[in-house]
Amino acid sequence: MKKSLIFSFNVLTLLVILALVAGAMGQGNKKKIYVPYI
């Protein structure tokens, strides 16, 4: 159970970081890279 909880938390953290990066930098020339993650 602990392993799956930690794994889920890590995935959520990664998604949040990707969303933040896409919001901060993805509006310019890197937009097409981060569109699939939004």
PDB file of N, CA and C in Angstrom:
ATOM      1  N   MET A   1       0.835  -1.211   0.000  1.00  0.00           N
ATOM      2  CA  MET A   1       0.000   0.000   0.000  1.00  0.00           C
ATOM      3  C   MET A   1       0.867   1.257   0.000  1.00  0.00           C
ATOM      4  N   LYS A   2       1.879   1.260   0.857  1.00  0.00           N
ATOM      5  CA  LYS A   2       2.715   2.458   0.939  1.00  0.00           C
ATOM      6  C   LYS A   2       3.379   2.747  -0.400  1.00  0.00           C
ATOM      7  N   LYS A   3       3.819   1.684  -1.086  1.00  0.00           N
ATOM      8  CA  LYS A   3       4.502   1.903  -2.363  1.00  0.00           C
ATOM      9  C   LYS A   3       3.573   2.558  -3.371  1.00  0.00           C
ATOM     10  N   SER A   4       2.344   2.079  -3.468  1.00  0.00           N
ATOM     11  CA  SER A   4       1.413   2.650  -4.447  1.00  0.00           C
ATOM     12  C   SER A   4       1.039   4.080  -4.068  1.00  0.00           C
ATOM     13  N   LEU A   5       0.938   4.358  -2.764  1.00  0.00           N
ATOM     14  CA  LEU A   5       0.620   5.721  -2.345  1.00  0.00           C
ATOM     15  C   LEU A   5       1.754   6.664  -2.712  1.00  0.00           C
ATOM     16  N   ILE A   6       2.990   6.244  -2.444  1.00  0.00           N
ATOM     17  CA  ILE A   6       4.146   7.082  -2.781  1.00  0.00           C
ATOM     18  C   ILE A   6       4.226   7.269  -4.291  1.00  0.00           C
ATOM     19  N   PHE A   7       3.974   6.199  -5.041  1.00  0.00           N
ATOM     20  CA  PHE A   7       4.035   6.294  -6.496  1.00  0.00           C
ATOM     21  C   PHE A   7       2.986   7.270  -7.016  1.00  0.00           C
ATOM     22  N   SER A   8       1.765   7.183  -6.490  1.00  0.00           N
ATOM     23  CA  SER A   8       0.698   8.085  -6.928  1.00  0.00           C
ATOM     24  C   SER A   8       1.062   9.529  -6.598  1.00  0.00           C
ATOM     25  N   PHE A   9       1.625   9.744  -5.416  1.00  0.00           N
ATOM     26  CA  PHE A   9       2.016  11.095  -5.019  1.00  0.00           C
ATOM     27  C   PHE A   9       3.092  11.634  -5.953  1.00  0.00           C
ATOM     28  N   ASN A  10       4.054  10.781  -6.317  1.00  0.00           N
ATOM     29  CA  ASN A  10       5.119  11.217  -7.225  1.00  0.00           C
ATOM     30  C   ASN A  10       4.554  11.573  -8.591  1.00  0.00           C
ATOM     31  N   VAL A  11       3.604  10.783  -9.079  1.00  0.00           N
ATOM     32  CA  VAL A  11       3.001  11.067 -10.385  1.00  0.00           C
ATOM     33  C   VAL A  11       2.247  12.385 -10.335  1.00  0.00           C
ATOM     34  N   LEU A  12       1.491  12.607  -9.266  1.00  0.00           N
ATOM     35  CA  LEU A  12       0.747  13.861  -9.141  1.00  0.00           C
ATOM     36  C   LEU A  12       1.706  15.044  -9.077  1.00  0.00           C
ATOM     37  N   THR A  13       2.791  14.887  -8.340  1.00  0.00           N
ATOM     38  CA  THR A  13       3.773  15.968  -8.251  1.00  0.00           C
ATOM     39  C   THR A  13       4.369  16.269  -9.617  1.00  0.00           C
ATOM     40  N   LEU A  14       4.679  15.217 -10.377  1.00  0.00           N
ATOM     41  CA  LEU A  14       5.231  15.417 -11.717  1.00  0.00           C
ATOM     42  C   LEU A  14       4.242  16.160 -12.600  1.00  0.00           C
ATOM     43  N   LEU A  15       2.957  15.779 -12.515  1.00  0.00           N
ATOM     44  CA  LEU A  15       1.945  16.436 -13.341  1.00  0.00           C
ATOM     45  C   LEU A  15       1.816  17.904 -12.961  1.00  0.00           C
ATOM     46  N   VAL A  16       1.871  18.192 -11.662  1.00  0.00           N
ATOM     47  CA  VAL A  16       1.776  19.586 -11.216  1.00  0.00           C
ATOM     48  C   VAL A  16       2.964  20.386 -11.733  1.00  0.00           C
ATOM     49  N   ILE A  17       4.158  19.818 -11.639  1.00  0.00           N
ATOM     50  CA  ILE A  17       5.360  20.520 -12.122  1.00  0.00           C
ATOM     51  C   ILE A  17       5.253  20.763 -13.623  1.00  0.00           C
ATOM     52  N   LEU A  18       4.794  19.758 -14.359  1.00  0.00           N
ATOM     53  CA  LEU A  18       4.649  19.923 -15.806  1.00  0.00           C
ATOM     54  C   LEU A  18       3.639  21.018 -16.120  1.00  0.00           C
ATOM     55  N   ALA A  19       2.549  21.051 -15.364  1.00  0.00           N
ATOM     56  CA  ALA A  19       1.532  22.077 -15.597  1.00  0.00           C
ATOM     57  C   ALA A  19       2.095  23.464 -15.311  1.00  0.00           C
ATOM     58  N   LEU A  20       2.873  23.588 -14.240  1.00  0.00           N
ATOM     59  CA  LEU A  20       3.463  24.886 -13.905  1.00  0.00           C
ATOM     60  C   LEU A  20       4.445  25.322 -14.983  1.00  0.00           C
ATOM     61  N   VAL A  21       5.273  24.399 -15.438  1.00  0.00           N
ATOM     62  CA  VAL A  21       6.247  24.734 -16.489  1.00  0.00           C
ATOM     63  C   VAL A  21       5.522  25.114 -17.770  1.00  0.00           C
ATOM     64  N   ALA A  22       4.460  24.375 -18.089  1.00  0.00           N
ATOM     65  CA  ALA A  22       3.713  24.676 -19.307  1.00  0.00           C
ATOM     66  C   ALA A  22       3.055  26.044 -19.196  1.00  0.00           C
ATOM     67  N   GLY A  23       2.560  26.382 -18.010  1.00  0.00           N
ATOM     68  CA  GLY A  23       1.918  27.680 -17.821  1.00  0.00           C
ATOM     69  C   GLY A  23       2.923  28.818 -17.872  1.00  0.00           C
ATOM     70  N   ALA A  24       4.133  28.569 -17.381  1.00  0.00           N
ATOM     71  CA  ALA A  24       5.129  29.631 -17.314  1.00  0.00           C
ATOM     72  C   ALA A  24       5.860  29.814 -18.635  1.00  0.00           C
ATOM     73  N   MET A  25       6.270  28.708 -19.264  1.00  0.00           N
ATOM     74  CA  MET A  25       7.102  28.801 -20.460  1.00  0.00           C
ATOM     75  C   MET A  25       6.385  28.322 -21.718  1.00  0.00           C
ATOM     76  N   GLY A  26       5.333  27.516 -21.548  1.00  0.00           N
ATOM     77  CA  GLY A  26       4.681  26.882 -22.690  1.00  0.00           C
ATOM     78  C   GLY A  26       3.859  27.831 -23.541  1.00  0.00           C
ATOM     79  N   GLN A  27       3.708  29.085 -23.120  1.00  0.00           N
ATOM     80  CA  GLN A  27       2.915  30.021 -23.909  1.00  0.00           C
ATOM     81  C   GLN A  27       3.702  30.553 -25.100  1.00  0.00           C
ATOM     82  N   GLY A  28       5.007  30.313 -25.097  1.00  0.00           N
ATOM     83  CA  GLY A  28       5.842  30.816 -26.185  1.00  0.00           C
ATOM     84  C   GLY A  28       6.229  29.723 -27.156  1.00  0.00           C
ATOM     85  N   ASN A  29       7.537  29.572 -27.379  1.00  0.00           N
ATOM     86  CA  ASN A  29       8.003  28.646 -28.409  1.00  0.00           C
ATOM     87  C   ASN A  29       7.934  27.196 -27.948  1.00  0.00           C
ATOM     88  N   LYS A  30       7.736  26.935 -26.650  1.00  0.00           N
ATOM     89  CA  LYS A  30       7.706  25.550 -26.175  1.00  0.00           C
ATOM     90  C   LYS A  30       6.277  25.040 -26.029  1.00  0.00           C
ATOM     91  N   LYS A  31       5.309  25.789 -26.515  1.00  0.00           N
ATOM     92  CA  LYS A  31       3.909  25.424 -26.300  1.00  0.00           C
ATOM     93  C   LYS A  31       3.598  24.051 -26.886  1.00  0.00           C
ATOM     94  N   LYS A  32       4.067  23.788 -28.099  1.00  0.00           N
ATOM     95  CA  LYS A  32       3.699  22.535 -28.760  1.00  0.00           C
ATOM     96  C   LYS A  32       4.264  21.319 -28.033  1.00  0.00           C
ATOM     97  N   ILE A  33       5.274  21.524 -27.185  1.00  0.00           N
ATOM     98  CA  ILE A  33       5.852  20.390 -26.460  1.00  0.00           C
ATOM     99  C   ILE A  33       4.957  19.998 -25.287  1.00  0.00           C
ATOM    100  N   TYR A  34       4.339  20.988 -24.620  1.00  0.00           N
ATOM    101  CA  TYR A  34       3.615  20.718 -23.385  1.00  0.00           C
ATOM    102  C   TYR A  34       2.112  20.605 -23.581  1.00  0.00           C
ATOM    103  N   VAL A  35       1.619  20.845 -24.796  1.00  0.00           N
ATOM    104  CA  VAL A  35       0.172  20.759 -25.023  1.00  0.00           C
ATOM    105  C   VAL A  35      -0.395  19.395 -24.630  1.00  0.00           C
ATOM    106  N   PRO A  36       0.257  18.272 -24.966  1.00  0.00           N
ATOM    107  CA  PRO A  36      -0.329  16.965 -24.627  1.00  0.00           C
ATOM    108  C   PRO A  36      -0.486  16.748 -23.128  1.00  0.00           C
ATOM    109  N   TYR A  37       0.269  17.484 -22.291  1.00  0.00           N
ATOM    110  CA  TYR A  37       0.219  17.247 -20.851  1.00  0.00           C
ATOM    111  C   TYR A  37      -0.865  18.072 -20.170  1.00  0.00           C
ATOM    112  N   ILE A  38      -1.436  19.054 -20.876  1.00  0.00           N
ATOM    113  CA  ILE A  38      -2.434  19.928 -20.248  1.00  0.00           C
ATOM    114  C   ILE A  38      -3.814  19.284 -20.319  1.00  0.00           C
TER     115      ILE A  38
END
